[in-house]
Amino acid sequence: MIAISGLTEPAIARSPGGFLHKEYPPGALLKTAPRFFVLVNDFPIDDALMGRADFAARYRLVMERNHRFNWVPPQSYTLHVYERVDDALPPPS
């Protein structure tokens, strides 16, 4: 599983740019073909990945969780968990 903007793999953590603004090519992430991605809207690197047609073709949204819905005042910090489609489908018969 890859969480790009939070707990992350060393290659992304060491890439140029500050927290939430890492300069890492989305295509390189897709080449690693992780089973899961955990992404957050409005984080630039996450949005760049979610906006790609090849990401949409290979991954499906399986869970969303807003961790700040009960804050006062309420805020949005929604984690989106995507699973690779070929792992999610039953094997061919």
Protein backbone atom coordinates (compact mmCIF):
# COMPACT_ATOMS: atom_id res chain seq x y z
CA MET A 1 0.00 0.00 0.00
CA ILE A 2 1.21 3.49 -0.76
CA ALA A 3 0.06 6.57 1.13
CA ILE A 4 1.69 9.38 -0.80
CA SER A 5 1.32 12.37 1.50
CA GLY A 6 1.48 10.84 4.96
CA LEU A 7 3.31 7.67 5.92
CA THR A 8 5.09 6.94 2.71
CA GLU A 9 7.81 5.00 0.96
CA PRO A 10 11.40 6.30 1.18
CA ALA A 11 11.66 7.25 -2.51
CA ILE A 12 8.79 9.71 -2.15
CA ALA A 13 9.87 10.94 1.27
CA ARG A 14 13.33 11.80 -0.12
CA SER A 15 12.06 13.44 -3.31
CA PRO A 16 12.26 17.23 -3.71
CA GLY A 17 9.56 19.43 -2.23
CA GLY A 18 7.99 19.94 1.16
CA PHE A 19 5.24 18.01 2.86
CA LEU A 20 2.18 17.80 0.55
CA HIS A 21 4.21 19.30 -2.31
CA LYS A 22 6.54 16.46 -3.25
CA GLU A 23 7.80 16.45 -6.83
CA TYR A 24 7.42 12.82 -7.78
CA PRO A 25 6.12 11.60 -11.15
CA PRO A 26 2.70 9.92 -10.85
CA GLY A 27 3.65 7.53 -13.66
CA ALA A 28 6.48 6.14 -11.54
CA LEU A 29 4.00 5.39 -8.76
CA LEU A 30 1.72 3.53 -11.14
CA LYS A 31 4.63 1.45 -12.43
CA THR A 32 5.10 0.03 -8.93
CA ALA A 33 1.49 -1.26 -9.15
CA PRO A 34 0.71 -1.35 -5.42
CA ARG A 35 -2.45 -3.17 -4.48
CA PHE A 36 -3.75 -0.13 -2.57
CA PHE A 37 -3.33 3.64 -2.65
CA VAL A 38 -4.48 5.93 0.18
CA LEU A 39 -5.10 9.39 -1.28
CA VAL A 40 -6.49 12.71 -0.01
CA ASN A 41 -8.24 15.35 -2.13
CA ASP A 42 -6.53 18.74 -2.42
CA PHE A 43 -3.04 17.30 -1.85
CA PRO A 44 -1.23 18.13 -5.12
CA ILE A 45 0.58 14.82 -5.65
CA ASP A 46 -2.58 12.87 -4.75
CA ASP A 47 -4.75 14.94 -7.10
CA ALA A 48 -2.21 14.46 -9.91
CA LEU A 49 -2.46 10.70 -9.52
CA MET A 50 -6.28 10.59 -9.17
CA GLY A 51 -6.65 12.74 -12.29
CA ARG A 52 -4.86 10.28 -14.58
CA ALA A 53 -6.89 8.10 -16.96
CA ASP A 54 -4.55 5.14 -16.41
CA PHE A 55 -5.12 5.40 -12.64
CA ALA A 56 -8.91 5.44 -13.12
CA ALA A 57 -8.66 2.40 -15.41
CA ARG A 58 -6.58 0.35 -12.96
CA TYR A 59 -7.94 1.34 -9.54
CA ARG A 60 -11.36 1.56 -7.94
CA LEU A 61 -12.47 3.39 -4.82
CA VAL A 62 -13.20 0.90 -2.04
CA MET A 63 -13.46 3.12 1.05
CA GLU A 64 -13.68 6.74 2.15
CA ARG A 65 -13.24 7.98 5.69
CA ASN A 66 -13.45 11.59 6.89
CA HIS A 67 -11.37 11.75 10.06
CA ARG A 68 -12.48 15.27 10.96
CA PHE A 69 -16.26 15.13 10.55
CA ASN A 70 -16.81 15.53 14.29
CA TRP A 71 -14.37 18.40 14.84
CA VAL A 72 -15.78 21.74 15.98
CA PRO A 73 -16.25 23.32 13.54
CA PRO A 74 -16.48 20.29 11.22
CA GLN A 75 -13.69 19.91 8.68
CA SER A 76 -12.98 17.61 5.81
CA TYR A 77 -9.93 15.37 5.72
CA THR A 78 -11.15 12.38 3.78
CA LEU A 79 -8.92 9.41 3.11
CA HIS A 80 -9.75 7.58 -0.13
CA VAL A 81 -8.60 3.98 -0.38
CA TYR A 82 -8.25 2.67 -3.93
CA GLU A 83 -7.63 -0.98 -4.78
CA ARG A 84 -6.01 -2.22 -7.98
CA VAL A 85 -8.79 -3.68 -10.14
CA ASP A 86 -6.98 -6.82 -11.27
CA ASP A 87 -6.55 -7.86 -7.62
CA ALA A 88 -10.16 -7.01 -6.80
CA LEU A 89 -11.69 -9.15 -9.54
CA PRO A 90 -12.21 -12.91 -9.13
CA PRO A 91 -9.80 -15.06 -11.11
CA PRO A 92 -11.04 -16.09 -14.59
CA SER A 93 -12.73 -19.48 -14.79
